[in-house]
Every structure is written in C-alpha cells, then in structure tokens.
Amino acid sequence: MMFFGYFYIGTIFLLILSGSNTFPIVKIITQPIGLTPCELCNLVLPIAKTLIARNESLLMEELGIIICQQLHLADDAVCAGMINEYSYVLIEVLRLSPLSTYEICGVAFDCLPQADIPALRWNVTLPSPSQSVPSLASLSADDLPSQSILSVLHLADLHIDIEYKPGSNADCGRPLCCRDGLPKPDETGAGFWGDYRTCDLPQWTAESMLKYLVQNEKQIDFIYFTGDIAPHDVWQQTQDKDLNEIFFTTQLLTETFPNKKIYPCVGNHESAPPDLFPTSNATSWLYSALANQWIDQFGLEEQTRDTILKGGYYTTMIAPKFRLISLNMNYCTENNYWLFINSTDPLGQLQWMIEWLQYAEEHLEKVHIIGHHPPRMCMVSFSWAYYSIVNRYQSTITGQFF
C-alpha cells in the first residue's frame, strides 16, 4: 500500500498549488528535487490536516485522482479506485490520530524508530511460571499426550483469480494483470497455468494443485489455511466481491478435502479495502461471514464464534492435549492505518492469547499458533510483546505457522 501514500502526497501538493503561486511548490510538483518520502510527508501533512479541518475532504479526493492520472502514477482506473477506496480511512486517521505529523510520517515511511514514539510503546502482562504445574518426570504415561506423528498441510496466499485469461497482457502496469489486453509485440502473453509476472493464480491451476495433493499426499491429518483469498485487484475490491471470493474458496477447499478438518485465519486481503481492519464493529460484515463459513463449512466448534465475531481469532482443540490458537495478525502491521489511532494490543488479542497459553500450560497441553503476517512484519511493540509471550511459553508452544 506504500504507493498509495505517494498518491495521497500528490493530492496535497496539488491542493497547495491550487492556493498558491509559489514557484518552489510548482517545482516540487512538476519535477523531482531530491526530497525523501519522509521530507515530503513532513512538508505537506500539516497542510492536509488543515484542509481536513476545513471539510475539504471531497475536494482532496477529486484532486488526488486528477494528479494521479496526470502524473501517470497509475492508469486512470487504478487512480480512481485506489483513492476512492482509501481516502476516507486516511482522512479519518489524520483527523483522529494522537500522533504528530512527524510521527505519522516516520511510521508510514519507516524513517523514525517506533520505539521513540511514546504513543506506540506498550506491553502485555505475563504471569510468572506456575509452581503448581507438575513436571514431566512426575507424570504417569496416561497423563502424557500421545506421541503419534500428525501430518499438516499448510496452505496460504491462494489469491485465485477467476478472471485470469491465458494469452492476455501480463505486464499491464496495474497491480494485477493477466485479465485482458494483448501483450506487447516483443513479449509473450500470460501462460495457461499461470505467470510469474503481475498475475494471480488461475482457477484451474488451483484446482489441479489441490487435486494433486489429494491423490499424492495420503497422510494429511488436517489443514492450516493461513489466509489471503482475494486477487490483487486492490483498486476495485468491494465487500460483496470479497465475500463471493471467500465463499468460492471455502467451497473449493471443503469439496476437495471433504474429510479433513481445516483450520483458517484471516489474511490482509480478506478486508475491503485490503489491509484495513478497524477495531470497531465496522468489520462485522467480514467476521460474521467468516464465522459462518469456518463453523458451518470448515467444521470449527460453535464455541469459537464469539471471538471470530469480535476480531477474527479463536482457539480450539485439534486433538486431546493439542490446542490451536489462530491469530488475526492484521492488527499488528502499519499497513493497517487504523492502528495509527490506537495500536495498543488491538481488541486485547495478545492478552487473550496469554490467558489460553496459561490454561494450556496448567493443563499440560501443547499449542500451535497460526496467523497470516509473521511477527517480523508487525509494529515494534506488537512484535516485542509477541516474542515475549513465545519466550515465556516456550515449553508449551511447539509450532508457529505464518
């Protein structure tokens, strides 16, 4: 989503130009002058906040589309779609964030250590190791979990594109190609089974791959599906479109693996627009659908519904003494701009995880953790808190899948 940041900066520059004949500003817009993204951001963000306070949001969107198109930052459809999708959120974040403009720019463009920003520093409360937990040496054989080996299939980032067209333009200048148009005379078109250029996975390739797994991997006991369903047509995603893609992929997986338990988590492309997961009930359209699909189709227990509806995370038992914790890691990255308003353990998810890890420790359970984004992609305080949790419960956590 970083390229949209440049669209937004361009919008504000055009607004500056519209109200000023200052020659240096014209030069900033019409030709590069060597400013870094952070310097650009720090220059224009205070003006953006002023314009927002004057209720000029609609004008900002309209001019943003114009400058994106005139400077050929993307083609016309992508310019209009991206700005229409993301401008409301960015405007709300600028209006409500307690961060200074300097801090917002520092986080957005990675030019200021997050540890230097007080509003982004937080931690979780970890209990000390329990003295009442029996040691392994004191347990009988009946108390110990089975030592049988289980085989897990890990699927992630399917991004199936049902509009994929073999032979089409695979280098179209958009975030997603291989749908239409002809390739340039000196280039080949999109391959039948897929393409390594700017393309997602054809439906028939996904079906063939999954069919191969069924036929050749006989020892699959269960499946981890760690998210990302929708294709990368990020400039034209809507709630209805995303839900249709979720229903399609869910049905494909359940029909391909009718006798296997599937344990999912939420990818960043499941939301519309992608990456944006507010902590309010604004995401209820997504979590309600996921709860129904995951419980009715994938077979999760009904008791997982409450936390799925709250924030797309849950815990369940895979086998006796073997617990799964599925996290929504979209509440940890700076690409989720809502976290610029409040990033402190969103929805209390990490503290919730601690409670279940503590329960698992006291009941001699082993735990797997699944999520979409790995912790290294998270904001610093979230990563630090997560690593602290994993270190504290290192004897309980036996696997992490991202």
Protein backbone atom coordinates (compact mmCIF):
# COMPACT_ATOMS: atom_id res chain seq x y z
CA MET A 1 0.00 0.00 0.00
CA MET A 2 3.04 2.30 0.08
CA PHE A 3 2.39 3.52 -3.47
CA PHE A 4 -0.97 4.91 -2.31
CA GLY A 5 0.93 7.06 0.16
CA TYR A 6 2.54 8.77 -2.81
CA PHE A 7 -0.91 9.28 -4.40
CA TYR A 8 -2.03 10.99 -1.23
CA ILE A 9 1.05 13.20 -1.04
CA GLY A 10 0.46 14.16 -4.65
CA THR A 11 -3.10 15.13 -3.78
CA ILE A 12 -1.95 17.50 -1.09
CA PHE A 13 0.72 19.01 -3.32
CA LEU A 14 -1.90 19.82 -5.92
CA LEU A 15 -4.02 21.45 -3.25
CA ILE A 16 -1.06 23.58 -2.23
CA LEU A 17 -0.57 24.58 -5.84
CA SER A 18 -4.25 25.47 -6.23
CA GLY A 19 -3.98 28.01 -3.43
CA SER A 20 -0.50 29.32 -4.07
CA ASN A 21 1.62 30.57 -6.96
CA THR A 22 4.83 29.93 -5.07
CA PHE A 23 7.39 28.80 -7.62
CA PRO A 24 9.21 26.23 -5.38
CA ILE A 25 5.90 24.42 -4.82
CA VAL A 26 5.35 24.24 -8.57
CA LYS A 27 8.80 22.75 -8.96
CA ILE A 28 8.02 20.14 -6.29
CA ILE A 29 5.01 19.01 -8.27
CA THR A 30 6.42 19.22 -11.77
CA GLN A 31 9.92 17.84 -11.28
CA PRO A 32 11.81 15.90 -8.62
CA ILE A 33 14.00 17.95 -6.28
CA GLY A 34 15.56 15.16 -4.25
CA LEU A 35 13.34 15.18 -1.18
CA THR A 36 12.94 11.87 0.62
CA PRO A 37 9.42 10.47 1.18
CA CYS A 38 9.65 11.47 4.84
CA GLU A 39 10.66 15.04 3.96
CA LEU A 40 7.79 15.28 1.50
CA CYS A 41 5.40 13.87 4.07
CA ASN A 42 6.54 16.24 6.79
CA LEU A 43 6.16 19.16 4.40
CA VAL A 44 2.58 18.51 3.36
CA LEU A 45 0.89 16.64 6.22
CA PRO A 46 0.27 19.73 8.38
CA ILE A 47 -1.47 21.33 5.40
CA ALA A 48 -3.50 18.16 4.89
CA LYS A 49 -4.74 18.34 8.47
CA THR A 50 -5.73 21.97 7.95
CA LEU A 51 -7.69 21.09 4.84
CA ILE A 52 -9.43 18.24 6.66
CA ALA A 53 -10.42 20.64 9.42
CA ARG A 54 -11.96 22.86 6.74
CA ASN A 55 -14.09 19.96 5.45
CA GLU A 56 -12.29 19.84 2.10
CA SER A 57 -12.18 16.04 2.03
CA LEU A 58 -14.18 15.62 -1.18
CA LEU A 59 -12.03 18.16 -2.97
CA MET A 60 -8.92 16.31 -1.81
CA GLU A 61 -10.23 13.06 -3.28
CA GLU A 62 -11.13 14.66 -6.61
CA LEU A 63 -7.77 16.39 -6.95
CA GLY A 64 -5.98 13.25 -5.84
CA ILE A 65 -7.47 11.35 -8.76
CA ILE A 66 -6.53 14.15 -11.15
CA ILE A 67 -2.90 14.34 -10.07
CA CYS A 68 -2.53 10.56 -10.03
CA GLN A 69 -3.79 10.42 -13.61
CA GLN A 70 -1.90 13.48 -14.88
CA LEU A 71 1.43 12.30 -13.43
CA HIS A 72 0.75 8.74 -14.64
CA LEU A 73 1.29 7.26 -11.19
CA ALA A 74 -1.08 4.51 -12.34
CA ASP A 75 -3.68 4.11 -15.07
CA ASP A 76 -6.94 6.02 -14.77
CA ALA A 77 -8.98 3.14 -13.31
CA VAL A 78 -6.40 2.33 -10.64
CA CYS A 79 -6.04 6.01 -9.68
CA ALA A 80 -9.77 6.44 -9.21
CA GLY A 81 -10.32 3.11 -7.49
CA MET A 82 -7.46 3.34 -5.02
CA ILE A 83 -8.16 6.90 -3.95
CA ASN A 84 -11.89 6.29 -3.64
CA GLU A 85 -11.24 3.19 -1.50
CA TYR A 86 -8.56 4.53 0.81
CA SER A 87 -9.09 8.28 1.12
CA TYR A 88 -11.82 8.05 3.78
CA VAL A 89 -9.62 5.95 6.06
CA LEU A 90 -6.56 8.14 5.63
CA ILE A 91 -8.58 11.26 6.30
CA GLU A 92 -10.11 9.71 9.43
CA VAL A 93 -6.68 8.61 10.64
CA LEU A 94 -5.24 12.08 10.17
CA ARG A 95 -8.23 13.54 11.99
CA LEU A 96 -8.18 11.16 14.98
CA SER A 97 -4.60 10.01 15.43
CA PRO A 98 -2.82 11.23 18.58
CA LEU A 99 0.48 11.03 16.70
CA SER A 100 2.15 14.19 15.49
CA THR A 101 2.63 14.69 11.77
CA TYR A 102 6.32 13.97 12.26
CA GLU A 103 5.50 10.67 13.96
CA ILE A 104 2.92 9.65 11.36
CA CYS A 105 5.40 10.26 8.56
CA GLY A 106 8.11 8.42 10.49
CA VAL A 107 6.00 5.30 10.88
CA ALA A 108 4.44 5.41 7.41
CA PHE A 109 7.77 5.71 5.63
CA ASP A 110 9.94 3.87 8.17
CA CYS A 111 12.23 6.81 8.88
CA LEU A 112 11.68 7.12 12.63
CA PRO A 113 12.25 4.36 15.21
CA GLN A 114 8.85 3.37 16.56
CA ALA A 115 10.44 2.89 19.97
CA ASP A 116 10.98 6.66 20.04
CA ILE A 117 7.23 7.33 19.83
CA PRO A 118 5.59 7.19 23.30
CA ALA A 119 2.09 6.51 21.95
CA LEU A 120 3.34 3.35 20.25
CA ARG A 121 5.08 1.88 23.31
CA TRP A 122 3.06 -0.73 25.18
CA ASN A 123 3.41 -4.20 26.61
CA VAL A 124 1.34 -7.09 27.90
CA THR A 125 1.07 -8.62 31.36
CA LEU A 126 2.70 -12.03 31.65
CA PRO A 127 2.19 -14.31 34.64
CA SER A 128 5.21 -15.92 36.21
CA PRO A 129 5.74 -19.63 35.59
CA SER A 130 3.34 -21.56 37.78
CA GLN A 131 4.91 -23.57 40.58
CA SER A 132 1.87 -25.82 40.69
CA VAL A 133 2.37 -27.17 37.18
CA PRO A 134 3.67 -30.74 37.53
CA SER A 135 6.94 -31.61 35.88
CA LEU A 136 7.08 -34.25 33.18
CA ALA A 137 9.05 -36.53 35.50
CA SER A 138 6.15 -36.63 37.96
CA LEU A 139 3.57 -37.70 35.40
CA SER A 140 2.41 -41.19 34.56
CA ALA A 141 2.22 -42.41 30.98
CA ASP A 142 -1.55 -41.88 30.99
CA ASP A 143 -1.07 -38.17 31.72
CA LEU A 144 1.14 -37.54 28.71
CA PRO A 145 -0.13 -36.70 25.23
CA SER A 146 0.14 -39.31 22.53
CA GLN A 147 3.48 -39.44 20.73
CA SER A 148 1.92 -40.32 17.36
CA ILE A 149 3.02 -38.12 14.46
CA LEU A 150 0.43 -35.93 12.76
CA SER A 151 0.90 -34.51 9.26
CA VAL A 152 -0.33 -31.00 8.48
CA LEU A 153 -0.87 -29.39 5.10
CA HIS A 154 -0.18 -25.65 5.20
CA LEU A 155 -1.92 -23.57 2.53
CA ALA A 156 -1.51 -19.80 2.23
CA ASP A 157 -1.99 -16.91 -0.19
CA LEU A 158 -4.06 -18.74 -2.80
CA HIS A 159 -5.19 -15.46 -4.45
CA ILE A 160 -7.28 -17.29 -7.03
CA ASP A 161 -8.22 -15.06 -9.96
CA ILE A 162 -11.36 -16.36 -11.66
CA GLU A 163 -10.90 -13.66 -14.34
CA TYR A 164 -7.46 -14.94 -15.41
CA LYS A 165 -7.15 -15.11 -19.21
CA PRO A 166 -4.32 -17.08 -20.89
CA GLY A 167 -2.52 -15.11 -23.57
CA SER A 168 -3.52 -11.73 -22.13
CA ASN A 169 -1.17 -8.91 -21.16
CA ALA A 170 0.92 -10.00 -18.16
CA ASP A 171 2.71 -6.67 -17.76
CA CYS A 172 -0.11 -4.12 -17.91
CA GLY A 173 1.14 -1.56 -15.38
CA ARG A 174 -1.60 -2.33 -12.86
CA PRO A 175 -1.25 -4.15 -9.52
CA LEU A 176 -2.86 -7.16 -11.25
CA CYS A 177 -2.68 -8.18 -14.90
CA CYS A 178 -3.35 -11.35 -16.94
CA ARG A 179 -7.01 -10.48 -17.40
CA ASP A 180 -7.31 -8.58 -20.66
CA GLY A 181 -5.41 -6.77 -23.36
CA LEU A 182 -2.73 -8.01 -25.72
CA PRO A 183 0.93 -8.35 -24.80
CA LYS A 184 3.48 -6.02 -26.34
CA PRO A 185 4.88 -7.22 -29.66
CA ASP A 186 8.16 -8.38 -28.11
CA GLU A 187 6.54 -10.07 -25.08
CA THR A 188 4.64 -13.30 -24.53
CA GLY A 189 1.12 -13.41 -23.17
CA ALA A 190 0.04 -14.87 -19.84
CA GLY A 191 0.77 -18.58 -19.55
CA PHE A 192 -2.01 -21.12 -19.36
CA TRP A 193 -1.14 -22.40 -15.87
CA GLY A 194 -0.10 -19.02 -14.52
CA ASP A 195 2.62 -16.43 -14.90
CA TYR A 196 5.45 -15.10 -12.72
CA ARG A 197 4.76 -11.54 -13.79
CA THR A 198 2.00 -9.37 -12.28
CA CYS A 199 -0.60 -12.14 -12.14
CA ASP A 200 -2.50 -14.29 -9.67
CA LEU A 201 -3.41 -17.97 -9.76
CA PRO A 202 -5.83 -19.29 -12.42
CA GLN A 203 -8.77 -21.24 -11.03
CA TRP A 204 -7.83 -24.41 -12.93
CA THR A 205 -4.26 -24.29 -11.61
CA ALA A 206 -5.52 -24.08 -8.03
CA GLU A 207 -7.92 -26.96 -8.64
CA SER A 208 -5.15 -29.06 -10.24
CA MET A 209 -2.76 -28.38 -7.38
CA LEU A 210 -5.31 -29.33 -4.73
CA LYS A 211 -6.30 -32.44 -6.68
CA TYR A 212 -2.64 -33.46 -6.81
CA LEU A 213 -2.37 -33.11 -3.04
CA VAL A 214 -5.41 -35.35 -2.52
CA GLN A 215 -4.05 -38.01 -4.85
CA ASN A 216 -0.43 -37.99 -3.71
CA GLU A 217 -0.30 -36.84 -0.09
CA LYS A 218 -2.16 -39.61 1.70
CA GLN A 219 -1.02 -38.77 5.23
CA ILE A 220 -2.63 -35.34 5.63
CA ASP A 221 -4.33 -35.30 9.03
CA PHE A 222 -5.55 -31.67 8.97
CA ILE A 223 -5.00 -28.40 7.12
CA TYR A 224 -3.84 -24.95 8.17
CA PHE A 225 -5.08 -22.27 5.78
CA THR A 226 -3.40 -19.03 6.76
CA GLY A 227 -5.36 -16.65 4.61
CA ASP A 228 -5.30 -14.31 1.63
CA ILE A 229 -8.09 -15.28 -0.71
CA ALA A 230 -8.92 -12.33 -2.95
CA PRO A 231 -6.81 -11.49 -6.02
CA HIS A 232 -4.68 -8.35 -6.12
CA ASP A 233 -7.21 -6.16 -7.94
CA VAL A 234 -6.98 -3.84 -4.96
CA TRP A 235 -8.39 -0.83 -6.80
CA GLN A 236 -11.79 -2.46 -7.33
CA GLN A 237 -12.43 -4.53 -4.23
CA THR A 238 -15.79 -4.30 -2.50
CA GLN A 239 -17.38 -6.12 0.41
CA ASP A 240 -19.67 -8.14 -1.87
CA LYS A 241 -16.80 -9.07 -4.17
CA ASP A 242 -14.60 -10.17 -1.28
CA LEU A 243 -17.40 -12.25 0.24
CA ASN A 244 -18.05 -14.01 -3.06
CA GLU A 245 -14.37 -14.90 -3.30
CA ILE A 246 -14.36 -16.16 0.29
CA PHE A 247 -17.43 -18.35 -0.40
CA PHE A 248 -15.84 -19.68 -3.61
CA THR A 249 -12.52 -20.61 -2.00
CA THR A 250 -14.20 -22.10 1.07
CA GLN A 251 -16.34 -24.32 -1.14
CA LEU A 252 -13.33 -25.33 -3.23
CA LEU A 253 -11.38 -26.42 -0.16
CA THR A 254 -14.25 -28.28 1.50
CA GLU A 255 -15.17 -30.11 -1.70
CA THR A 256 -11.54 -31.05 -2.33
CA PHE A 257 -10.88 -32.18 1.25
CA PRO A 258 -14.32 -33.37 2.43
CA ASN A 259 -12.96 -35.48 5.29
CA LYS A 260 -10.27 -33.15 6.61
CA LYS A 261 -10.51 -30.50 9.30
CA ILE A 262 -9.43 -27.11 8.00
CA TYR A 263 -8.18 -24.50 10.47
CA PRO A 264 -8.14 -20.99 8.93
CA CYS A 265 -7.04 -17.50 9.83
CA VAL A 266 -7.64 -14.06 8.32
CA GLY A 267 -5.41 -12.69 5.55
CA ASN A 268 -4.93 -9.00 4.86
CA HIS A 269 -6.75 -9.27 1.51
CA GLU A 270 -9.95 -10.52 3.11
CA SER A 271 -11.00 -6.98 4.04
CA ALA A 272 -12.25 -4.32 1.66
CA PRO A 273 -10.17 -2.27 1.19
CA PRO A 274 -7.25 -4.66 1.81
CA ASP A 275 -5.14 -4.27 4.96
CA LEU A 276 -7.66 -2.10 6.80
CA PHE A 277 -9.06 -3.68 9.95
CA PRO A 278 -10.63 -1.22 12.40
CA THR A 279 -11.23 -2.33 15.97
CA SER A 280 -14.82 -1.07 15.81
CA ASN A 281 -17.75 -3.11 14.51
CA ALA A 282 -17.12 -1.76 11.00
CA THR A 283 -15.66 -5.16 10.07
CA SER A 284 -18.71 -7.11 11.27
CA TRP A 285 -19.71 -7.84 7.65
CA LEU A 286 -16.50 -9.85 7.26
CA TYR A 287 -16.31 -11.55 10.64
CA SER A 288 -19.95 -12.63 10.51
CA ALA A 289 -19.37 -14.30 7.14
CA LEU A 290 -16.12 -15.90 8.29
CA ALA A 291 -17.74 -17.26 11.45
CA ASN A 292 -20.48 -18.91 9.40
CA GLN A 293 -18.07 -20.30 6.81
CA TRP A 294 -15.48 -21.51 9.29
CA ILE A 295 -18.03 -23.18 11.57
CA ASP A 296 -20.52 -24.50 9.01
CA GLN A 297 -18.06 -25.43 6.26
CA PHE A 298 -14.65 -25.99 7.87
CA GLY A 299 -16.09 -27.59 10.98
CA LEU A 300 -14.87 -25.33 13.78
CA GLU A 301 -16.71 -25.69 17.08
CA GLU A 302 -19.58 -23.31 17.82
CA GLN A 303 -17.67 -22.03 20.85
CA THR A 304 -15.22 -20.27 18.53
CA ARG A 305 -17.91 -17.95 17.19
CA ASP A 306 -17.67 -15.23 19.86
CA THR A 307 -14.01 -14.31 19.24
CA ILE A 308 -14.32 -14.76 15.48
CA LEU A 309 -17.15 -12.22 15.53
CA LYS A 310 -15.12 -9.95 17.78
CA GLY A 311 -11.93 -9.94 15.75
CA GLY A 312 -11.36 -12.97 13.53
CA TYR A 313 -9.37 -15.04 16.04
CA TYR A 314 -10.13 -18.20 18.05
CA THR A 315 -8.78 -21.21 19.89
CA THR A 316 -9.82 -24.83 19.52
CA MET A 317 -8.61 -28.36 20.26
CA ILE A 318 -7.11 -30.33 17.39
CA ALA A 319 -6.66 -33.46 19.48
CA PRO A 320 -6.53 -34.28 23.19
CA LYS A 321 -3.84 -32.15 24.83
CA PHE A 322 -3.21 -30.41 21.50
CA ARG A 323 -4.55 -26.85 21.16
CA LEU A 324 -4.57 -24.40 18.27
CA ILE A 325 -4.56 -20.61 18.60
CA SER A 326 -5.46 -18.75 15.41
CA LEU A 327 -4.50 -15.06 15.49
CA ASN A 328 -5.63 -12.16 13.33
CA MET A 329 -2.25 -10.65 12.59
CA ASN A 330 -3.77 -7.82 10.58
CA TYR A 331 -3.96 -5.94 13.88
CA CYS A 332 -0.19 -5.69 14.03
CA THR A 333 1.12 -4.03 10.83
CA GLU A 334 1.48 -0.37 9.94
CA ASN A 335 -0.33 -1.11 6.67
CA ASN A 336 -3.46 -1.21 8.82
CA TYR A 337 -3.74 2.56 9.06
CA TRP A 338 -6.36 2.35 11.81
CA LEU A 339 -3.54 1.43 14.19
CA PHE A 340 -2.21 4.99 13.87
CA ILE A 341 -5.15 5.94 16.09
CA ASN A 342 -4.53 3.27 18.74
CA SER A 343 -2.08 0.39 18.37
CA THR A 344 -2.14 -0.90 21.95
CA ASP A 345 -2.94 -4.64 21.84
CA PRO A 346 -5.90 -4.19 19.48
CA LEU A 347 -9.02 -6.00 20.76
CA GLY A 348 -6.92 -7.35 23.63
CA GLN A 349 -5.94 -10.25 21.37
CA LEU A 350 -2.45 -10.85 22.78
CA GLN A 351 -3.68 -10.72 26.38
CA TRP A 352 -6.39 -13.21 25.36
CA MET A 353 -3.66 -15.45 23.90
CA ILE A 354 -1.73 -15.27 27.17
CA GLU A 355 -4.80 -16.46 29.08
CA TRP A 356 -5.15 -19.51 26.83
CA LEU A 357 -1.43 -20.28 26.90
CA GLN A 358 -1.55 -20.11 30.68
CA TYR A 359 -4.51 -22.51 30.65
CA ALA A 360 -2.63 -24.80 28.28
CA GLU A 361 0.44 -24.74 30.49
CA GLU A 362 -1.56 -25.62 33.59
CA HIS A 363 -3.39 -28.43 31.77
CA LEU A 364 -0.27 -29.83 30.07
CA GLU A 365 -1.46 -29.00 26.58
CA LYS A 366 0.81 -28.33 23.61
CA VAL A 367 -0.07 -25.42 21.34
CA HIS A 368 0.31 -24.46 17.69
CA ILE A 369 -0.13 -20.82 16.65
CA ILE A 370 -1.22 -19.79 13.16
CA GLY A 371 -1.55 -16.35 11.58
CA HIS A 372 -1.12 -14.60 8.27
CA HIS A 373 1.61 -12.00 8.82
CA PRO A 374 4.73 -13.25 10.63
CA PRO A 375 5.66 -11.23 13.73
CA ARG A 376 8.66 -9.66 11.97
CA MET A 377 6.19 -7.70 9.81
CA CYS A 378 4.43 -6.20 12.84
CA MET A 379 4.83 -2.86 14.54
CA VAL A 380 7.66 -2.89 17.04
CA SER A 381 5.66 -3.05 20.29
CA PHE A 382 3.44 -5.84 18.96
CA SER A 383 6.47 -7.83 17.83
CA TRP A 384 8.19 -7.33 21.17
CA ALA A 385 5.09 -8.38 23.09
CA TYR A 386 4.59 -11.41 20.85
CA TYR A 387 8.19 -12.56 21.23
CA SER A 388 7.94 -12.07 25.00
CA ILE A 389 4.88 -14.32 25.05
CA VAL A 390 6.55 -17.01 22.95
CA ASN A 391 9.65 -16.90 25.15
CA ARG A 392 7.54 -17.21 28.32
CA TYR A 393 5.57 -20.20 26.98
CA GLN A 394 8.35 -21.83 25.00
CA SER A 395 7.69 -25.18 26.66
CA THR A 396 4.02 -25.06 25.66
CA ILE A 397 4.23 -23.68 22.11
CA THR A 398 5.51 -26.37 19.76
CA GLY A 399 4.84 -24.79 16.38
CA GLN A 400 4.13 -21.46 14.66
CA PHE A 401 2.79 -21.23 11.11
CA PHE A 402 2.56 -17.93 9.21
